[in-house]
Amino acid sequence: EYLESRFDRRLRMFGSVMFAIMNIGYLPIVIYVPALAFNQVTGVA
């Protein structure tokens, strides 16, 4: 919302889209890492 206040709505949408892309790329890594640890100690896939 700050970006729209300081610039315009285009910057707000740009920031939101970039955030969504980053999160969607980041979250699978967050999920994968503990599953890797669990696999090492239990053998569960």
All heavy atoms as atom14 arrays in JSON, in Angstrom:
{
  "sequence": "EYLESRFDRRLRMFGSVMFAIMNIGYLPIVIYVPALAFNQVTGVA",
  "atom14_mask": [
    [1, 1, 1, 1, 1, 1, 1, 1, 1, 0, 0, 0, 0, 0],
    [1, 1, 1, 1, 1, 1, 1, 1, 1, 1, 1, 1, 0, 0],
    [1, 1, 1, 1, 1, 1, 1, 1, 0, 0, 0, 0, 0, 0],
    [1, 1, 1, 1, 1, 1, 1, 1, 1, 0, 0, 0, 0, 0],
    [1, 1, 1, 1, 1, 1, 0, 0, 0, 0, 0, 0, 0, 0],
    [1, 1, 1, 1, 1, 1, 1, 1, 1, 1, 1, 0, 0, 0],
    [1, 1, 1, 1, 1, 1, 1, 1, 1, 1, 1, 0, 0, 0],
    [1, 1, 1, 1, 1, 1, 1, 1, 0, 0, 0, 0, 0, 0],
    [1, 1, 1, 1, 1, 1, 1, 1, 1, 1, 1, 0, 0, 0],
    [1, 1, 1, 1, 1, 1, 1, 1, 1, 1, 1, 0, 0, 0],
    [1, 1, 1, 1, 1, 1, 1, 1, 0, 0, 0, 0, 0, 0],
    [1, 1, 1, 1, 1, 1, 1, 1, 1, 1, 1, 0, 0, 0],
    [1, 1, 1, 1, 1, 1, 1, 1, 0, 0, 0, 0, 0, 0],
    [1, 1, 1, 1, 1, 1, 1, 1, 1, 1, 1, 0, 0, 0],
    [1, 1, 1, 1, 0, 0, 0, 0, 0, 0, 0, 0, 0, 0],
    [1, 1, 1, 1, 1, 1, 0, 0, 0, 0, 0, 0, 0, 0],
    [1, 1, 1, 1, 1, 1, 1, 0, 0, 0, 0, 0, 0, 0],
    [1, 1, 1, 1, 1, 1, 1, 1, 0, 0, 0, 0, 0, 0],
    [1, 1, 1, 1, 1, 1, 1, 1, 1, 1, 1, 0, 0, 0],
    [1, 1, 1, 1, 1, 0, 0, 0, 0, 0, 0, 0, 0, 0],
    [1, 1, 1, 1, 1, 1, 1, 1, 0, 0, 0, 0, 0, 0],
    [1, 1, 1, 1, 1, 1, 1, 1, 0, 0, 0, 0, 0, 0],
    [1, 1, 1, 1, 1, 1, 1, 1, 0, 0, 0, 0, 0, 0],
    [1, 1, 1, 1, 1, 1, 1, 1, 0, 0, 0, 0, 0, 0],
    [1, 1, 1, 1, 0, 0, 0, 0, 0, 0, 0, 0, 0, 0],
    [1, 1, 1, 1, 1, 1, 1, 1, 1, 1, 1, 1, 0, 0],
    [1, 1, 1, 1, 1, 1, 1, 1, 0, 0, 0, 0, 0, 0],
    [1, 1, 1, 1, 1, 1, 1, 0, 0, 0, 0, 0, 0, 0],
    [1, 1, 1, 1, 1, 1, 1, 1, 0, 0, 0, 0, 0, 0],
    [1, 1, 1, 1, 1, 1, 1, 0, 0, 0, 0, 0, 0, 0],
    [1, 1, 1, 1, 1, 1, 1, 1, 0, 0, 0, 0, 0, 0],
    [1, 1, 1, 1, 1, 1, 1, 1, 1, 1, 1, 1, 0, 0],
    [1, 1, 1, 1, 1, 1, 1, 0, 0, 0, 0, 0, 0, 0],
    [1, 1, 1, 1, 1, 1, 1, 0, 0, 0, 0, 0, 0, 0],
    [1, 1, 1, 1, 1, 0, 0, 0, 0, 0, 0, 0, 0, 0],
    [1, 1, 1, 1, 1, 1, 1, 1, 0, 0, 0, 0, 0, 0],
    [1, 1, 1, 1, 1, 0, 0, 0, 0, 0, 0, 0, 0, 0],
    [1, 1, 1, 1, 1, 1, 1, 1, 1, 1, 1, 0, 0, 0],
    [1, 1, 1, 1, 1, 1, 1, 1, 0, 0, 0, 0, 0, 0],
    [1, 1, 1, 1, 1, 1, 1, 1, 1, 0, 0, 0, 0, 0],
    [1, 1, 1, 1, 1, 1, 1, 0, 0, 0, 0, 0, 0, 0],
    [1, 1, 1, 1, 1, 1, 1, 0, 0, 0, 0, 0, 0, 0],
    [1, 1, 1, 1, 0, 0, 0, 0, 0, 0, 0, 0, 0, 0],
    [1, 1, 1, 1, 1, 1, 1, 0, 0, 0, 0, 0, 0, 0],
    [1, 1, 1, 1, 1, 0, 0, 0, 0, 0, 0, 0, 0, 0]
  ],
  "atom14_positions": [
    [[0.84, -1.19, 0.0], [0.0, 0.0, 0.0], [0.87, 1.25, 0.0], [0.5, 2.28, -0.56], [-0.92, 0.0, 1.22], [-1.98, -1.09, 1.22], [-2.81, -1.07, 2.49], [-3.43, -0.03, 2.77], [-2.83, -2.08, 3.21], [0.0, 0.0, 0.0], [0.0, 0.0, 0.0], [0.0, 0.0, 0.0], [0.0, 0.0, 0.0], [0.0, 0.0, 0.0]],
    [[2.02, 1.15, 0.65], [2.93, 2.3, 0.68], [3.34, 2.7, -0.73], [3.44, 3.9, -1.04], [4.17, 1.95, 1.5], [5.28, 2.97, 1.34], [5.27, 4.15, 2.08], [6.3, 2.77, 0.41], [6.27, 5.11, 1.89], [7.3, 3.72, 0.23], [7.28, 4.88, 0.97], [8.25, 5.82, 0.77], [0.0, 0.0, 0.0], [0.0, 0.0, 0.0]],
    [[3.59, 1.72, -1.6], [4.06, 2.02, -2.95], [3.02, 2.79, -3.74], [3.36, 3.65, -4.57], [4.45, 0.73, -3.67], [5.63, -0.05, -3.08], [5.9, -1.3, -3.88], [6.87, 0.83, -2.99], [0.0, 0.0, 0.0], [0.0, 0.0, 0.0], [0.0, 0.0, 0.0], [0.0, 0.0, 0.0], [0.0, 0.0, 0.0], [0.0, 0.0, 0.0]],
    [[1.74, 2.5, -3.51], [0.69, 3.27, -4.19], [0.64, 4.7, -3.65], [0.43, 5.65, -4.4], [-0.67, 2.6, -4.02], [-1.78, 3.35, -4.75], [-3.1, 2.6, -4.76], [-3.15, 1.47, -4.27], [-4.08, 3.18, -5.27], [0.0, 0.0, 0.0], [0.0, 0.0, 0.0], [0.0, 0.0, 0.0], [0.0, 0.0, 0.0], [0.0, 0.0, 0.0]],
    [[0.83, 4.84, -2.36], [0.82, 6.18, -1.76], [1.99, 7.02, -2.27], [1.82, 8.19, -2.62], [0.91, 6.07, -0.24], [-0.09, 5.24, 0.27], [0.0, 0.0, 0.0], [0.0, 0.0, 0.0], [0.0, 0.0, 0.0], [0.0, 0.0, 0.0], [0.0, 0.0, 0.0], [0.0, 0.0, 0.0], [0.0, 0.0, 0.0], [0.0, 0.0, 0.0]],
    [[3.15, 6.43, -2.33], [4.36, 7.17, -2.73], [4.46, 7.33, -4.24], [4.92, 8.37, -4.74], [5.58, 6.43, -2.18], [6.93, 6.91, -2.66], [7.23, 8.35, -2.24], [8.57, 8.69, -2.69], [8.88, 9.11, -3.91], [7.92, 9.28, -4.82], [10.12, 9.41, -4.24], [0.0, 0.0, 0.0], [0.0, 0.0, 0.0], [0.0, 0.0, 0.0]],
    [[4.04, 6.32, -5.01], [4.16, 6.37, -6.47], [2.77, 6.32, -7.11], [2.12, 7.32, -7.28], [5.04, 5.23, -6.96], [6.45, 5.26, -6.43], [6.88, 4.31, -5.51], [7.35, 6.23, -6.85], [8.18, 4.33, -5.01], [8.65, 6.26, -6.35], [9.06, 5.31, -5.42], [0.0, 0.0, 0.0], [0.0, 0.0, 0.0], [0.0, 0.0, 0.0]],
    [[2.33, 5.09, -7.42], [1.01, 4.91, -8.02], [0.61, 3.44, -7.91], [1.37, 2.62, -7.38], [0.98, 5.37, -9.48], [2.1, 4.74, -10.32], [2.28, 3.5, -10.21], [2.79, 5.48, -11.04], [0.0, 0.0, 0.0], [0.0, 0.0, 0.0], [0.0, 0.0, 0.0], [0.0, 0.0, 0.0], [0.0, 0.0, 0.0], [0.0, 0.0, 0.0]],
    [[-0.57, 3.1, -8.41], [-1.08, 1.74, -8.28], [-0.22, 0.72, -9.02], [-0.13, -0.43, -8.63], [-2.52, 1.67, -8.78], [-3.14, 0.28, -8.65], [-4.62, 0.28, -8.87], [-5.31, 0.94, -7.77], [-6.64, 0.98, -7.66], [-7.4, 0.45, -8.6], [-7.2, 1.59, -6.63], [0.0, 0.0, 0.0], [0.0, 0.0, 0.0], [0.0, 0.0, 0.0]],
    [[0.42, 1.12, -10.1], [1.26, 0.18, -10.85], [2.39, -0.37, -9.98], [2.7, -1.56, -10.04], [1.86, 0.87, -12.08], [0.86, 1.32, -13.12], [1.55, 2.15, -14.19], [2.26, 3.27, -13.58], [3.24, 3.95, -14.2], [3.62, 3.6, -15.42], [3.85, 4.95, -13.6], [0.0, 0.0, 0.0], [0.0, 0.0, 0.0], [0.0, 0.0, 0.0]],
    [[2.99, 0.51, -9.18], [4.09, 0.06, -8.3], [3.56, -0.85, -7.21], [4.24, -1.81, -6.8], [4.79, 1.27, -7.69], [6.01, 1.84, -8.43], [7.13, 0.82, -8.47], [5.65, 2.27, -9.84], [0.0, 0.0, 0.0], [0.0, 0.0, 0.0], [0.0, 0.0, 0.0], [0.0, 0.0, 0.0], [0.0, 0.0, 0.0], [0.0, 0.0, 0.0]],
    [[2.35, -0.56, -6.73], [1.75, -1.44, -5.73], [1.55, -2.84, -6.3], [1.87, -3.84, -5.65], [0.42, -0.86, -5.25], [-0.29, -1.74, -4.22], [-1.57, -1.07, -3.76], [-2.28, -1.87, -2.75], [-3.39, -1.48, -2.13], [-3.91, -0.29, -2.41], [-3.96, -2.26, -1.24], [0.0, 0.0, 0.0], [0.0, 0.0, 0.0], [0.0, 0.0, 0.0]],
    [[1.03, -2.93, -7.51], [0.82, -4.24, -8.14], [2.14, -4.93, -8.43], [2.28, -6.13, -8.26], [0.01, -4.07, -9.43], [-1.44, -3.7, -9.21], [-2.3, -4.9, -8.15], [-2.09, -6.39, -9.12], [0.0, 0.0, 0.0], [0.0, 0.0, 0.0], [0.0, 0.0, 0.0], [0.0, 0.0, 0.0], [0.0, 0.0, 0.0], [0.0, 0.0, 0.0]],
    [[3.13, -4.15, -8.86], [4.45, -4.74, -9.13], [5.02, -5.36, -7.86], [5.51, -6.5, -7.87], [5.39, -3.65, -9.66], [6.8, -4.11, -9.89], [7.12, -4.83, -11.04], [7.8, -3.86, -8.97], [8.42, -5.27, -11.25], [9.09, -4.29, -9.16], [9.41, -5.0, -10.32], [0.0, 0.0, 0.0], [0.0, 0.0, 0.0], [0.0, 0.0, 0.0]],
    [[4.96, -4.61, -6.76], [5.48, -5.14, -5.5], [4.73, -6.37, -5.04], [5.34, -7.35, -4.58], [0.0, 0.0, 0.0], [0.0, 0.0, 0.0], [0.0, 0.0, 0.0], [0.0, 0.0, 0.0], [0.0, 0.0, 0.0], [0.0, 0.0, 0.0], [0.0, 0.0, 0.0], [0.0, 0.0, 0.0], [0.0, 0.0, 0.0], [0.0, 0.0, 0.0]],
    [[3.42, -6.36, -5.16], [2.61, -7.5, -4.71], [2.89, -8.74, -5.55], [2.98, -9.85, -5.02], [1.13, -7.14, -4.79], [0.84, -6.01, -4.0], [0.0, 0.0, 0.0], [0.0, 0.0, 0.0], [0.0, 0.0, 0.0], [0.0, 0.0, 0.0], [0.0, 0.0, 0.0], [0.0, 0.0, 0.0], [0.0, 0.0, 0.0], [0.0, 0.0, 0.0]],
    [[3.02, -8.56, -6.86], [3.31, -9.69, -7.74], [4.68, -10.28, -7.43], [4.86, -11.51, -7.37], [3.21, -9.26, -9.23], [3.76, -10.35, -10.14], [1.76, -8.96, -9.6], [0.0, 0.0, 0.0], [0.0, 0.0, 0.0], [0.0, 0.0, 0.0], [0.0, 0.0, 0.0], [0.0, 0.0, 0.0], [0.0, 0.0, 0.0], [0.0, 0.0, 0.0]],
    [[5.66, -9.41, -7.23], [7.0, -9.9, -6.9], [7.0, -10.66, -5.57], [7.65, -11.7, -5.43], [7.99, -8.73, -6.82], [8.29, -8.05, -8.14], [9.06, -9.15, -9.37], [7.64, -9.54, -10.4], [0.0, 0.0, 0.0], [0.0, 0.0, 0.0], [0.0, 0.0, 0.0], [0.0, 0.0, 0.0], [0.0, 0.0, 0.0], [0.0, 0.0, 0.0]],
    [[6.25, -10.15, -4.6], [6.14, -10.83, -3.32], [5.5, -12.21, -3.48], [5.98, -13.2, -2.89], [5.31, -9.98, -2.34], [4.95, -10.7, -1.07], [5.87, -10.84, -0.05], [3.68, -11.24, -0.9], [5.54, -11.52, 1.12], [3.34, -11.91, 0.27], [4.27, -12.05, 1.28], [0.0, 0.0, 0.0], [0.0, 0.0, 0.0], [0.0, 0.0, 0.0]],
    [[4.44, -12.29, -4.27], [3.77, -13.57, -4.47], [4.68, -14.57, -5.16], [4.74, -15.76, -4.78], [2.49, -13.35, -5.3], [0.0, 0.0, 0.0], [0.0, 0.0, 0.0], [0.0, 0.0, 0.0], [0.0, 0.0, 0.0], [0.0, 0.0, 0.0], [0.0, 0.0, 0.0], [0.0, 0.0, 0.0], [0.0, 0.0, 0.0], [0.0, 0.0, 0.0]],
    [[5.42, -14.12, -6.16], [6.35, -15.01, -6.86], [7.43, -15.51, -5.91], [7.77, -16.71, -5.89], [6.98, -14.28, -8.06], [5.92, -14.02, -9.14], [8.14, -15.09, -8.64], [6.4, -13.14, -10.27], [0.0, 0.0, 0.0], [0.0, 0.0, 0.0], [0.0, 0.0, 0.0], [0.0, 0.0, 0.0], [0.0, 0.0, 0.0], [0.0, 0.0, 0.0]],
    [[7.99, -14.61, -5.1], [9.03, -14.99, -4.16], [8.51, -16.02, -3.16], [9.17, -17.02, -2.87], [9.56, -13.76, -3.43], [10.71, -14.01, -2.47], [10.2, -14.57, -0.83], [9.46, -13.07, -0.19], [0.0, 0.0, 0.0], [0.0, 0.0, 0.0], [0.0, 0.0, 0.0], [0.0, 0.0, 0.0], [0.0, 0.0, 0.0], [0.0, 0.0, 0.0]],
    [[7.32, -15.78, -2.62], [6.77, -16.69, -1.62], [6.51, -18.07, -2.2], [6.78, -19.09, -1.56], [5.46, -16.12, -1.06], [5.65, -15.57, 0.34], [6.76, -15.41, 0.82], [4.56, -15.27, 1.01], [0.0, 0.0, 0.0], [0.0, 0.0, 0.0], [0.0, 0.0, 0.0], [0.0, 0.0, 0.0], [0.0, 0.0, 0.0], [0.0, 0.0, 0.0]],
    [[5.97, -18.12, -3.4], [5.66, -19.4, -4.02], [6.94, -20.17, -4.32], [6.98, -21.4, -4.29], [4.81, -19.19, -5.28], [3.41, -18.71, -4.88], [4.71, -20.47, -6.11], [2.53, -18.29, -6.03], [0.0, 0.0, 0.0], [0.0, 0.0, 0.0], [0.0, 0.0, 0.0], [0.0, 0.0, 0.0], [0.0, 0.0, 0.0], [0.0, 0.0, 0.0]],
    [[8.04, -19.43, -4.6], [9.33, -20.1, -4.79], [10.0, -20.51, -3.5], [10.75, -21.49, -3.45], [0.0, 0.0, 0.0], [0.0, 0.0, 0.0], [0.0, 0.0, 0.0], [0.0, 0.0, 0.0], [0.0, 0.0, 0.0], [0.0, 0.0, 0.0], [0.0, 0.0, 0.0], [0.0, 0.0, 0.0], [0.0, 0.0, 0.0], [0.0, 0.0, 0.0]],
    [[9.73, -19.76, -2.43], [10.38, -19.99, -1.14], [9.71, -21.08, -0.32], [10.39, -21.9, 0.31], [10.37, -18.66, -0.37], [10.81, -18.73, 1.07], [12.14, -18.98, 1.41], [9.89, -18.53, 2.1], [12.55, -19.02, 2.73], [10.29, -18.57, 3.43], [11.61, -18.81, 3.74], [12.01, -18.86, 5.05], [0.0, 0.0, 0.0], [0.0, 0.0, 0.0]],
    [[8.38, -21.13, -0.33], [7.66, -22.05, 0.55], [7.96, -23.52, 0.28], [8.05, -24.31, 1.23], [6.15, -21.79, 0.46], [5.68, -20.49, 1.14], [4.18, -20.33, 0.98], [6.05, -20.49, 2.62], [0.0, 0.0, 0.0], [0.0, 0.0, 0.0], [0.0, 0.0, 0.0], [0.0, 0.0, 0.0], [0.0, 0.0, 0.0], [0.0, 0.0, 0.0]],
    [[8.1, -23.96, -0.97], [8.45, -25.37, -1.17], [9.77, -25.76, -0.51], [9.92, -26.89, -0.03], [8.53, -25.51, -2.69], [7.68, -24.42, -3.21], [7.84, -23.29, -2.25], [0.0, 0.0, 0.0], [0.0, 0.0, 0.0], [0.0, 0.0, 0.0], [0.0, 0.0, 0.0], [0.0, 0.0, 0.0], [0.0, 0.0, 0.0], [0.0, 0.0, 0.0]],
    [[10.73, -24.83, -0.48], [12.01, -25.11, 0.19], [11.78, -25.26, 1.68], [12.36, -26.14, 2.34], [13.02, -23.99, -0.1], [13.2, -23.8, -1.61], [14.36, -24.29, 0.54], [14.1, -22.64, -1.99], [0.0, 0.0, 0.0], [0.0, 0.0, 0.0], [0.0, 0.0, 0.0], [0.0, 0.0, 0.0], [0.0, 0.0, 0.0], [0.0, 0.0, 0.0]],
    [[10.93, -24.39, 2.25], [10.61, -24.45, 3.67], [9.99, -25.8, 4.03], [10.28, -26.38, 5.08], [9.64, -23.3, 4.04], [9.09, -23.48, 5.45], [10.35, -21.96, 3.92], [0.0, 0.0, 0.0], [0.0, 0.0, 0.0], [0.0, 0.0, 0.0], [0.0, 0.0, 0.0], [0.0, 0.0, 0.0], [0.0, 0.0, 0.0], [0.0, 0.0, 0.0]],
    [[9.14, -26.32, 3.17], [8.48, -27.61, 3.43], [9.45, -28.77, 3.24], [9.45, -29.74, 4.01], [7.27, -27.79, 2.49], [6.27, -26.65, 2.66], [6.58, -29.12, 2.74], [5.2, -26.62, 1.59], [0.0, 0.0, 0.0], [0.0, 0.0, 0.0], [0.0, 0.0, 0.0], [0.0, 0.0, 0.0], [0.0, 0.0, 0.0], [0.0, 0.0, 0.0]],
    [[10.28, -28.65, 2.23], [11.17, -29.76, 1.86], [12.22, -30.05, 2.92], [12.53, -31.22, 3.21], [11.85, -29.41, 0.53], [12.96, -30.35, 0.13], [12.69, -31.66, -0.25], [14.28, -29.91, 0.11], [13.71, -32.51, -0.65], [15.31, -30.76, -0.27], [15.02, -32.05, -0.65], [16.04, -32.88, -1.02], [0.0, 0.0, 0.0], [0.0, 0.0, 0.0]],
    [[12.78, -29.01, 3.54], [13.91, -29.18, 4.45], [13.59, -30.07, 5.65], [14.31, -31.03, 5.93], [14.45, -27.81, 4.91], [15.44, -27.97, 6.04], [15.12, -27.11, 3.74], [0.0, 0.0, 0.0], [0.0, 0.0, 0.0], [0.0, 0.0, 0.0], [0.0, 0.0, 0.0], [0.0, 0.0, 0.0], [0.0, 0.0, 0.0], [0.0, 0.0, 0.0]],
    [[12.51, -29.83, 6.4], [12.23, -30.72, 7.54], [11.85, -32.13, 7.09], [12.12, -33.09, 7.81], [11.06, -30.03, 8.25], [10.42, -29.21, 7.22], [11.52, -28.74, 6.33], [0.0, 0.0, 0.0], [0.0, 0.0, 0.0], [0.0, 0.0, 0.0], [0.0, 0.0, 0.0], [0.0, 0.0, 0.0], [0.0, 0.0, 0.0], [0.0, 0.0, 0.0]],
    [[11.23, -32.23, 5.92], [10.9, -33.56, 5.4], [12.17, -34.36, 5.12], [12.21, -35.58, 5.31], [10.06, -33.44, 4.13], [0.0, 0.0, 0.0], [0.0, 0.0, 0.0], [0.0, 0.0, 0.0], [0.0, 0.0, 0.0], [0.0, 0.0, 0.0], [0.0, 0.0, 0.0], [0.0, 0.0, 0.0], [0.0, 0.0, 0.0], [0.0, 0.0, 0.0]],
    [[13.21, -33.66, 4.69], [14.5, -34.29, 4.46], [15.07, -34.83, 5.77], [15.6, -35.95, 5.83], [15.46, -33.26, 3.85], [16.69, -33.77, 3.11], [16.29, -34.54, 1.87], [17.56, -32.57, 2.71], [0.0, 0.0, 0.0], [0.0, 0.0, 0.0], [0.0, 0.0, 0.0], [0.0, 0.0, 0.0], [0.0, 0.0, 0.0], [0.0, 0.0, 0.0]],
    [[14.96, -34.04, 6.83], [15.44, -34.48, 8.15], [14.63, -35.68, 8.64], [15.18, -36.64, 9.19], [15.35, -33.34, 9.15], [0.0, 0.0, 0.0], [0.0, 0.0, 0.0], [0.0, 0.0, 0.0], [0.0, 0.0, 0.0], [0.0, 0.0, 0.0], [0.0, 0.0, 0.0], [0.0, 0.0, 0.0], [0.0, 0.0, 0.0], [0.0, 0.0, 0.0]],
    [[13.33, -35.63, 8.46], [12.47, -36.72, 8.9], [12.79, -38.0, 8.13], [12.79, -39.1, 8.71], [11.01, -36.32, 8.67], [10.02, -37.2, 9.39], [9.88, -37.13, 10.76], [9.22, -38.1, 8.68], [8.96, -37.94, 11.43], [8.31, -38.9, 9.33], [8.18, -38.82, 10.71], [0.0, 0.0, 0.0], [0.0, 0.0, 0.0], [0.0, 0.0, 0.0]],
    [[13.09, -37.85, 6.86], [13.46, -39.01, 6.05], [14.75, -39.65, 6.56], [14.88, -40.89, 6.6], [13.63, -38.58, 4.59], [14.28, -39.64, 3.72], [15.47, -39.58, 3.43], [13.5, -40.62, 3.31], [0.0, 0.0, 0.0], [0.0, 0.0, 0.0], [0.0, 0.0, 0.0], [0.0, 0.0, 0.0], [0.0, 0.0, 0.0], [0.0, 0.0, 0.0]],
    [[15.71, -38.82, 7.0], [16.99, -39.35, 7.48], [16.82, -40.17, 8.76], [17.48, -41.19, 8.93], [17.96, -38.19, 7.74], [19.31, -38.6, 8.27], [20.18, -39.25, 7.21], [20.14, -38.88, 6.06], [20.98, -40.23, 7.6], [0.0, 0.0, 0.0], [0.0, 0.0, 0.0], [0.0, 0.0, 0.0], [0.0, 0.0, 0.0], [0.0, 0.0, 0.0]],
    [[15.92, -39.75, 9.65], [15.82, -40.44, 10.94], [14.76, -41.53, 10.97], [14.76, -42.36, 11.88], [15.53, -39.43, 12.08], [16.63, -38.39, 12.18], [14.18, -38.77, 11.92], [0.0, 0.0, 0.0], [0.0, 0.0, 0.0], [0.0, 0.0, 0.0], [0.0, 0.0, 0.0], [0.0, 0.0, 0.0], [0.0, 0.0, 0.0], [0.0, 0.0, 0.0]],
    [[13.85, -41.54, 9.99], [12.77, -42.54, 10.01], [12.71, -43.39, 8.76], [12.15, -44.49, 8.79], [11.4, -41.86, 10.19], [11.12, -41.05, 9.03], [11.37, -41.0, 11.44], [0.0, 0.0, 0.0], [0.0, 0.0, 0.0], [0.0, 0.0, 0.0], [0.0, 0.0, 0.0], [0.0, 0.0, 0.0], [0.0, 0.0, 0.0], [0.0, 0.0, 0.0]],
    [[13.23, -42.87, 7.65], [13.09, -43.58, 6.39], [11.8, -43.28, 5.66], [11.59, -43.74, 4.53], [0.0, 0.0, 0.0], [0.0, 0.0, 0.0], [0.0, 0.0, 0.0], [0.0, 0.0, 0.0], [0.0, 0.0, 0.0], [0.0, 0.0, 0.0], [0.0, 0.0, 0.0], [0.0, 0.0, 0.0], [0.0, 0.0, 0.0], [0.0, 0.0, 0.0]],
    [[10.91, -42.48, 6.26], [9.65, -42.11, 5.62], [9.95, -41.18, 4.45], [10.7, -40.22, 4.58], [8.7, -41.42, 6.62], [7.43, -40.94, 5.92], [8.36, -42.37, 7.75], [0.0, 0.0, 0.0], [0.0, 0.0, 0.0], [0.0, 0.0, 0.0], [0.0, 0.0, 0.0], [0.0, 0.0, 0.0], [0.0, 0.0, 0.0], [0.0, 0.0, 0.0]],
    [[9.33, -41.44, 3.29], [9.61, -40.68, 2.08], [9.26, -39.21, 2.25], [8.29, -38.85, 2.94], [8.83, -41.26, 0.91], [0.0, 0.0, 0.0], [0.0, 0.0, 0.0], [0.0, 0.0, 0.0], [0.0, 0.0, 0.0], [0.0, 0.0, 0.0], [0.0, 0.0, 0.0], [0.0, 0.0, 0.0], [0.0, 0.0, 0.0], [0.0, 0.0, 0.0]]
  ]
}
